C-alpha atoms as a PDB file:
ATOM      1  CA  MET A   1      46.417 -49.671   3.857  1.00  0.00           C
ATOM      2  CA  LYS A   2      44.873 -47.058   6.127  1.00  0.00           C
ATOM      3  CA  ASP A   3      45.083 -44.516   3.304  1.00  0.00           C
ATOM      4  CA  ILE A   4      42.892 -46.786   1.164  1.00  0.00           C
ATOM      5  CA  LEU A   5      40.376 -46.802   4.022  1.00  0.00           C
ATOM      6  CA  GLY A   6      40.326 -42.993   3.903  1.00  0.00           C
ATOM      7  CA  ALA A   7      39.670 -43.111   0.165  1.00  0.00           C
ATOM      8  CA  ILE A   8      36.822 -45.577   0.681  1.00  0.00           C
ATOM      9  CA  ILE A   9      35.248 -43.429   3.390  1.00  0.00           C
ATOM     10  CA  THR A  10      35.403 -40.247   1.310  1.00  0.00           C
ATOM     11  CA  PHE A  11      34.164 -42.194  -1.727  1.00  0.00           C
ATOM     12  CA  ALA A  12      31.112 -43.318   0.257  1.00  0.00           C
ATOM     13  CA  LEU A  13      30.448 -39.774   1.449  1.00  0.00           C
ATOM     14  CA  GLY A  14      30.831 -38.544  -2.140  1.00  0.00           C
ATOM     15  CA  VAL A  15      28.243 -41.079  -3.266  1.00  0.00           C
ATOM     16  CA  GLY A  16      25.967 -39.641  -0.589  1.00  0.00           C
ATOM     17  CA  ILE A  17      26.448 -36.127  -1.981  1.00  0.00           C
ATOM     18  CA  ALA A  18      25.806 -37.379  -5.535  1.00  0.00           C
ATOM     19  CA  THR A  19      22.642 -39.141  -4.360  1.00  0.00           C
ATOM     20  CA  LEU A  20      21.437 -35.972  -2.638  1.00  0.00           C
ATOM     21  CA  ASN A  21      22.065 -34.049  -5.867  1.00  0.00           C
ATOM     22  CA  TYR A  22      20.113 -36.656  -7.822  1.00  0.00           C
ATOM     23  CA  TYR A  23      17.076 -36.390  -5.556  1.00  0.00           C
ATOM     24  CA  ILE A  24      17.163 -32.585  -5.738  1.00  0.00           C
ATOM     25  CA  SER A  25      17.225 -32.781  -9.542  1.00  0.00           C
ATOM     26  CA  LYS A  26      14.516 -35.426  -9.647  1.00  0.00           C
ATOM     27  CA  TYR A  27      12.249 -33.402  -7.374  1.00  0.00           C
ATOM     28  CA  PHE A  28      12.532 -30.273  -9.505  1.00  0.00           C
ATOM     29  CA  LEU A  29      12.184 -32.212 -12.743  1.00  0.00           C
ATOM     30  CA  GLU A  30       8.941 -33.784 -11.530  1.00  0.00           C
ATOM     31  CA  LYS A  31       7.428 -30.868  -9.622  1.00  0.00           C
ATOM     32  CA  ASN A  32       8.736 -27.700 -11.218  1.00  0.00           C
ATOM     33  CA  PRO A  33      10.680 -28.329 -14.450  1.00  0.00           C
ATOM     34  CA  ASP A  34      10.791 -24.610 -15.287  1.00  0.00           C
ATOM     35  CA  LYS A  35      13.184 -24.063 -12.374  1.00  0.00           C
ATOM     36  CA  PHE A  36      15.297 -27.148 -13.074  1.00  0.00           C
ATOM     37  CA  ALA A  37      18.265 -25.071 -14.239  1.00  0.00           C
ATOM     38  CA  MET A  38      18.455 -23.450 -10.800  1.00  0.00           C
ATOM     39  CA  THR A  39      19.337 -26.821  -9.284  1.00  0.00           C
ATOM     40  CA  THR A  40      22.740 -26.583 -10.946  1.00  0.00           C
ATOM     41  CA  VAL A  41      23.809 -23.858  -8.533  1.00  0.00           C
ATOM     42  CA  VAL A  42      22.618 -25.809  -5.498  1.00  0.00           C
ATOM     43  CA  LYS A  43      24.276 -29.017  -6.672  1.00  0.00           C
ATOM     44  CA  GLN A  44      27.566 -27.247  -7.347  1.00  0.00           C
ATOM     45  CA  ILE A  45      27.492 -25.713  -3.870  1.00  0.00           C
ATOM     46  CA  PHE A  46      27.173 -29.212  -2.391  1.00  0.00           C
ATOM     47  CA  ASN A  47      29.915 -30.612  -4.634  1.00  0.00           C
ATOM     48  CA  VAL A  48      32.423 -27.827  -4.100  1.00  0.00           C
ATOM     49  CA  GLY A  49      31.561 -27.549  -0.403  1.00  0.00           C
ATOM     50  CA  TYR A  50      32.229 -31.251   0.090  1.00  0.00           C
ATOM     51  CA  LEU A  51      35.542 -31.125  -1.764  1.00  0.00           C
ATOM     52  CA  VAL A  52      36.651 -28.050   0.187  1.00  0.00           C
ATOM     53  CA  ALA A  53      35.659 -29.740   3.457  1.00  0.00           C
ATOM     54  CA  VAL A  54      37.680 -32.830   2.547  1.00  0.00           C
ATOM     55  CA  TYR A  55      40.668 -30.698   1.583  1.00  0.00           C
ATOM     56  CA  MET A  56      40.490 -28.584   4.740  1.00  0.00           C
ATOM     57  CA  SER A  57      40.122 -31.621   6.982  1.00  0.00           C
ATOM     58  CA  GLY A  58      43.143 -33.308   5.392  1.00  0.00           C
ATOM     59  CA  ASP A  59      45.534 -31.980   8.034  1.00  0.00           C
ATOM     60  CA  PHE A  60      43.398 -33.371  10.843  1.00  0.00           C
ATOM     61  CA  LEU A  61      42.809 -36.846   9.398  1.00  0.00           C
ATOM     62  CA  PRO A  62      45.282 -39.730   9.632  1.00  0.00           C
ATOM     63  CA  PHE A  63      45.101 -40.288   5.855  1.00  0.00           C
ATOM     64  CA  LYS A  64      47.174 -38.848   3.030  1.00  0.00           C
ATOM     65  CA  LEU A  65      45.440 -35.925   1.374  1.00  0.00           C
ATOM     66  CA  ALA A  66      45.767 -37.339  -2.149  1.00  0.00           C
ATOM     67  CA  TYR A  67      43.900 -40.513  -1.227  1.00  0.00           C
ATOM     68  CA  ILE A  68      40.974 -38.795   0.417  1.00  0.00           C
ATOM     69  CA  LEU A  69      40.664 -36.243  -2.399  1.00  0.00           C
ATOM     70  CA  ILE A  70      40.702 -38.958  -5.067  1.00  0.00           C
ATOM     71  CA  GLY A  71      38.080 -40.908  -3.134  1.00  0.00           C
ATOM     72  CA  ALA A  72      35.908 -37.825  -2.772  1.00  0.00           C
ATOM     73  CA  VAL A  73      36.151 -36.860  -6.443  1.00  0.00           C
ATOM     74  CA  LEU A  74      35.377 -40.380  -7.640  1.00  0.00           C
ATOM     75  CA  GLY A  75      32.528 -40.633  -5.141  1.00  0.00           C
ATOM     76  CA  ILE A  76      30.884 -37.535  -6.579  1.00  0.00           C
ATOM     77  CA  THR A  77      31.648 -38.215 -10.237  1.00  0.00           C
ATOM     78  CA  LEU A  78      31.010 -41.920 -10.883  1.00  0.00           C
ATOM     79  CA  PRO A  79      27.434 -42.128  -9.547  1.00  0.00           C
ATOM     80  CA  MET A  80      26.475 -39.055 -11.556  1.00  0.00           C
ATOM     81  CA  PHE A  81      26.830 -41.087 -14.777  1.00  0.00           C
ATOM     82  CA  ILE A  82      24.108 -43.425 -13.526  1.00  0.00           C
ATOM     83  CA  TYR A  83      21.971 -40.647 -12.082  1.00  0.00           C
ATOM     84  CA  THR A  84      22.199 -38.556 -15.243  1.00  0.00           C
ATOM     85  CA  ARG A  85      20.981 -41.517 -17.273  1.00  0.00           C
ATOM     86  CA  LYS A  86      18.048 -41.937 -14.887  1.00  0.00           C
ATOM     87  CA  LEU A  87      17.177 -38.241 -15.130  1.00  0.00           C
ATOM     88  CA  LEU A  88      17.309 -38.353 -18.926  1.00  0.00           C
ATOM     89  CA  LYS A  89      14.978 -41.346 -18.929  1.00  0.00           C
ATOM     90  CA  LEU A  90      12.607 -39.582 -16.542  1.00  0.00           C
ATOM     91  CA  ASN A  91      12.665 -36.470 -18.719  1.00  0.00           C
ATOM     92  CA  GLU A  92      11.865 -38.503 -21.840  1.00  0.00           C
ATOM     93  CA  GLU A  93       8.932 -40.197 -20.083  1.00  0.00           C
ATOM     94  CA  LYS A  94       7.662 -36.813 -18.943  1.00  0.00           C
ATOM     95  CA  ARG A  95       7.938 -35.436 -22.474  1.00  0.00           C
ATOM     96  CA  GLY A  96       6.065 -38.442 -23.848  1.00  0.00           C
ATOM     97  CA  LYS A  97       3.190 -37.872 -21.446  1.00  0.00           C
ATOM     98  CA  THR A  98       3.104 -34.189 -22.375  1.00  0.00           C
ATOM     99  CA  ARG A  99       2.979 -35.047 -26.077  1.00  0.00           C
ATOM    100  CA  GLU A 100       0.153 -37.525 -25.465  1.00  0.00           C
ATOM    101  CA  LYS A 101      -1.855 -34.848 -23.656  1.00  0.00           C
ATOM    102  CA  GLU A 102      -1.225 -32.376 -26.475  1.00  0.00           C
ATOM    103  CA  GLY A 103      -2.337 -34.981 -29.001  1.00  0.00           C
ATOM    104  CA  GLU A 104      -5.534 -35.613 -27.078  1.00  0.00           C
ATOM    105  CA  SER A 105      -6.386 -31.924 -26.920  1.00  0.00           C
ATOM    106  CA  ASP A 106      -5.736 -31.495 -30.650  1.00  0.00           C
ATOM    107  CA  GLY A 107      -8.421 -33.958 -31.331  1.00  0.00           C
END
């Protein structure tokens, strides 16, 4: 039972990392879309850094390593499906506004 608690804790922390990645992506998509591709490197550093930290701390935690790693991976991965959908929607809205402005300037 305590191993499940470890999985839940690392899942919650993984959701936090995924949320941080979402807000980084959203910021660059809204403010500076030309540099949006650079966010991939930053997001991967957070993801890999978190997974390495969970793995390295496995010996010091009272939970089985498999449980905390599975919780961490699911915590990072599952929210990204929702966040990716939100970013796609935001990108489409931004494109629509750009097209409207181009249409207005064309006359």
